Protein backbone atom coordinates (compact mmCIF):
# COMPACT_ATOMS: atom_id res chain seq x y z
CA MET A 1 6.05 -14.28 -15.57
CA SER A 2 3.62 -17.14 -15.18
CA VAL A 3 1.07 -16.96 -12.40
CA PRO A 4 2.34 -18.81 -9.33
CA GLU A 5 0.02 -21.09 -7.37
CA PHE A 6 -0.53 -19.49 -3.96
CA ARG A 7 0.25 -21.86 -1.07
CA ALA A 8 0.96 -19.85 2.06
CA LEU A 9 1.58 -16.29 3.17
CA LEU A 10 4.84 -15.70 5.03
CA PRO A 11 5.12 -13.14 7.86
CA VAL A 12 5.26 -9.56 6.59
CA ARG A 13 8.79 -8.17 6.74
CA PRO A 14 10.56 -4.84 6.23
CA ALA A 15 11.75 -4.21 2.67
CA THR A 16 15.43 -4.24 1.77
CA ALA A 17 17.32 -2.60 -1.08
CA GLY A 18 17.36 -6.05 -2.71
CA ASP A 19 13.58 -5.86 -3.16
CA ARG A 20 13.91 -2.95 -5.63
CA SER A 21 13.35 -4.94 -8.82
CA ALA A 22 10.53 -7.14 -7.52
CA LEU A 23 8.67 -4.17 -6.03
CA GLY A 24 9.13 -2.11 -9.18
CA GLU A 25 7.71 -4.97 -11.28
CA LEU A 26 4.79 -5.41 -8.88
CA ASP A 27 4.09 -1.67 -8.89
CA ARG A 28 3.94 -1.59 -12.69
CA ALA A 29 1.90 -4.81 -12.92
CA THR A 30 -0.73 -3.56 -10.48
CA TRP A 31 -1.11 -0.07 -11.98
CA SER A 32 -4.82 0.61 -12.41
CA THR A 33 -7.18 3.49 -13.07
CA LEU A 34 -8.96 2.35 -9.90
CA HIS A 35 -6.22 3.79 -7.69
CA ALA A 36 -3.63 5.62 -9.79
CA VAL A 37 -3.62 9.38 -10.26
CA GLN A 38 -0.41 9.35 -12.27
CA PRO A 39 -0.13 8.04 -15.84
CA ARG A 40 0.81 4.42 -16.46
CA PRO A 41 4.59 4.03 -16.05
CA GLN A 42 6.50 3.82 -19.31
CA PRO A 43 10.08 2.72 -19.99
CA PRO A 44 12.63 3.72 -19.02
CA TYR A 45 11.26 3.07 -15.56
CA GLU A 46 12.22 5.18 -12.58
CA PRO A 47 13.94 3.29 -9.75
CA PHE A 48 11.45 2.01 -7.18
CA PHE A 49 13.53 3.35 -4.28
CA ASP A 50 14.93 6.88 -4.13
CA ASP A 51 15.61 9.57 -1.51
CA ARG A 52 11.89 10.05 -0.78
CA ASN A 53 10.80 6.44 -1.30
CA ARG A 54 13.19 4.42 0.86
CA PRO A 55 13.29 0.67 1.59
CA GLU A 56 12.71 1.33 5.30
CA ASP A 57 9.35 2.92 4.46
CA HIS A 58 8.02 -0.34 2.98
CA LEU A 59 6.65 -3.60 4.29
CA VAL A 60 6.72 -6.66 2.05
CA ALA A 61 4.43 -9.68 1.97
CA GLU A 62 5.81 -12.84 0.45
CA ALA A 63 4.02 -16.06 -0.41
CA VAL A 64 5.16 -19.61 -0.90
CA THR A 65 3.95 -21.02 -4.20
CA GLY A 66 3.20 -24.54 -5.39
CA ALA A 67 6.83 -25.00 -6.43
CA GLN A 68 7.88 -24.10 -2.86
CA GLU A 69 9.38 -20.87 -4.18
CA THR A 70 8.98 -17.53 -2.45
CA HIS A 71 7.50 -14.62 -4.44
CA VAL A 72 6.70 -11.05 -3.47
CA ALA A 73 2.92 -10.96 -3.09
CA GLY A 74 2.48 -7.33 -2.05
CA TYR A 75 3.85 -4.25 -0.39
CA LEU A 76 2.71 -1.32 1.71
CA ARG A 77 4.43 2.06 1.99
CA LEU A 78 4.19 3.62 5.47
CA ALA A 79 5.59 7.12 6.00
CA SER A 80 5.15 10.34 7.92
CA PRO A 81 2.54 12.50 6.21
CA THR A 82 4.60 15.64 6.89
CA PRO A 83 8.03 16.48 8.31
CA LEU A 84 6.43 18.56 11.10
CA ALA A 85 7.17 17.64 14.74
CA CYS A 86 3.54 18.37 15.65
CA ASN A 87 2.49 15.63 13.17
CA ALA A 88 5.04 13.02 14.31
CA HIS A 89 2.37 10.92 16.03
CA VAL A 90 0.76 10.07 12.66
CA ARG A 91 1.83 7.60 9.99
CA GLN A 92 0.23 7.49 6.56
CA ILE A 93 -0.22 4.57 4.20
CA GLN A 94 1.08 5.98 0.92
CA GLY A 95 0.80 2.90 -1.24
CA LEU A 96 -0.53 -0.64 -1.11
CA ALA A 97 -0.23 -3.19 -3.91
CA VAL A 98 -1.04 -6.89 -4.10
CA ALA A 99 -0.10 -9.12 -7.03
CA GLU A 100 -3.09 -10.32 -9.04
CA TRP A 101 -2.26 -13.97 -8.32
CA ALA A 102 -2.18 -13.29 -4.54
CA ARG A 103 -5.49 -11.44 -4.25
CA GLY A 104 -8.16 -13.01 -2.10
CA HIS A 105 -5.64 -14.66 0.24
CA GLY A 106 -5.47 -11.99 2.96
CA VAL A 107 -2.30 -10.30 1.72
CA ALA A 108 -3.63 -6.72 1.93
CA ARG A 109 -5.11 -7.36 5.38
CA ALA A 110 -1.80 -8.83 6.59
CA LEU A 111 0.07 -5.79 5.28
CA LEU A 112 -2.38 -3.42 6.96
CA ARG A 113 -2.10 -5.20 10.30
CA ALA A 114 1.69 -5.26 10.07
CA SER A 115 1.60 -1.52 9.35
CA TYR A 116 -0.30 -0.89 12.60
CA ALA A 117 2.42 -2.68 14.57
CA GLU A 118 5.18 -0.86 12.69
CA ALA A 119 3.50 2.53 13.15
CA ARG A 120 3.15 1.86 16.89
CA ARG A 121 6.81 0.79 17.04
CA GLN A 122 7.67 4.15 15.49
CA GLY A 123 5.66 5.95 18.20
CA ALA A 124 2.53 6.69 16.19
CA GLY A 125 -0.91 6.72 17.77
CA ARG A 126 -2.81 7.27 14.55
CA ILE A 127 -2.70 6.04 10.94
CA THR A 128 -4.25 7.66 7.87
CA LEU A 129 -4.58 7.10 4.15
CA ARG A 130 -6.11 8.55 1.01
CA VAL A 131 -8.18 6.49 -1.40
CA LEU A 132 -10.00 7.41 -4.59
CA GLY A 133 -13.75 7.59 -4.16
CA HIS A 134 -14.45 5.06 -6.91
CA ASN A 135 -12.14 2.42 -5.38
CA THR A 136 -14.96 0.55 -3.65
CA PRO A 137 -12.97 -2.65 -2.88
CA ALA A 138 -10.19 -0.74 -1.11
CA ARG A 139 -12.64 1.45 0.80
CA ALA A 140 -14.50 -1.65 2.01
CA LEU A 141 -11.26 -3.29 3.14
CA TYR A 142 -10.17 -0.17 5.03
CA ALA A 143 -13.58 0.19 6.68
CA SER A 144 -13.45 -3.47 7.77
CA GLU A 145 -10.09 -2.71 9.39
CA GLY A 146 -11.49 0.15 11.45
CA PHE A 147 -10.71 3.10 9.19
CA ALA A 148 -13.37 5.80 9.09
CA VAL A 149 -13.94 8.45 6.45
CA GLU A 150 -12.63 11.67 7.96
CA GLY A 151 -13.00 13.89 4.94
CA VAL A 152 -13.76 14.01 1.25
CA LEU A 153 -12.23 16.32 -1.31
CA PRO A 154 -14.98 16.30 -3.96
CA GLY A 155 -13.79 16.12 -7.55
CA GLU A 156 -10.16 16.46 -6.47
CA PHE A 157 -8.86 14.58 -9.52
CA PHE A 158 -9.91 14.60 -13.16
CA LEU A 159 -9.16 11.06 -14.34
CA HIS A 160 -10.12 9.52 -17.65
CA GLY A 161 -12.77 12.09 -18.43
CA ARG A 162 -14.45 12.34 -15.04
CA TYR A 163 -13.98 13.96 -11.65
CA VAL A 164 -13.06 11.63 -8.80
CA ASP A 165 -13.23 12.31 -5.06
CA ASP A 166 -10.19 11.97 -2.81
CA VAL A 167 -11.37 10.23 0.36
CA LEU A 168 -9.39 10.74 3.56
CA MET A 169 -9.57 7.87 6.05
CA GLY A 170 -7.97 7.28 9.42
CA ARG A 171 -8.01 5.22 12.57
CA SER A 172 -6.54 5.27 16.03
CA LEU A 173 -3.72 2.89 16.95
CA THR A 174 -4.43 3.06 20.65
CA ALA A 175 -6.58 0.53 22.46
């Protein structure tokens, strides 16, 4: 696919089953050693949505391009970190991807802010995430959005010949 010219970001919306192909393509295109702990996806590709990874757990950012076409610019997966009732007040960001051509246009920030509203709508008062220690750009974005480091699992992953920390971050959703 050629790189679209970014014109405008549309309001973030909930994903639908019809987004399966576009989100799967985006997920594969944005795979990087900066954030991935699993190997690069290889054909045949697994379906993007399944019983544990449902459309209703995703928010989608779309952008209008120079040709006045709409393209998926990014997604965020928001889910409960556990099935426990005592943890029902927490939502966890379990994936965030932005197309290369859409980076630098506020897509990730728009997805994050939409996730706060969605988490509140679901009754959450807190939101968390995990980020690899060497992912400096993501950590800076999260910090700028009010996330604080709440824990570090040193050397939790051995990736590409070196140990990488798993950084736990969170923030309150209450005023």
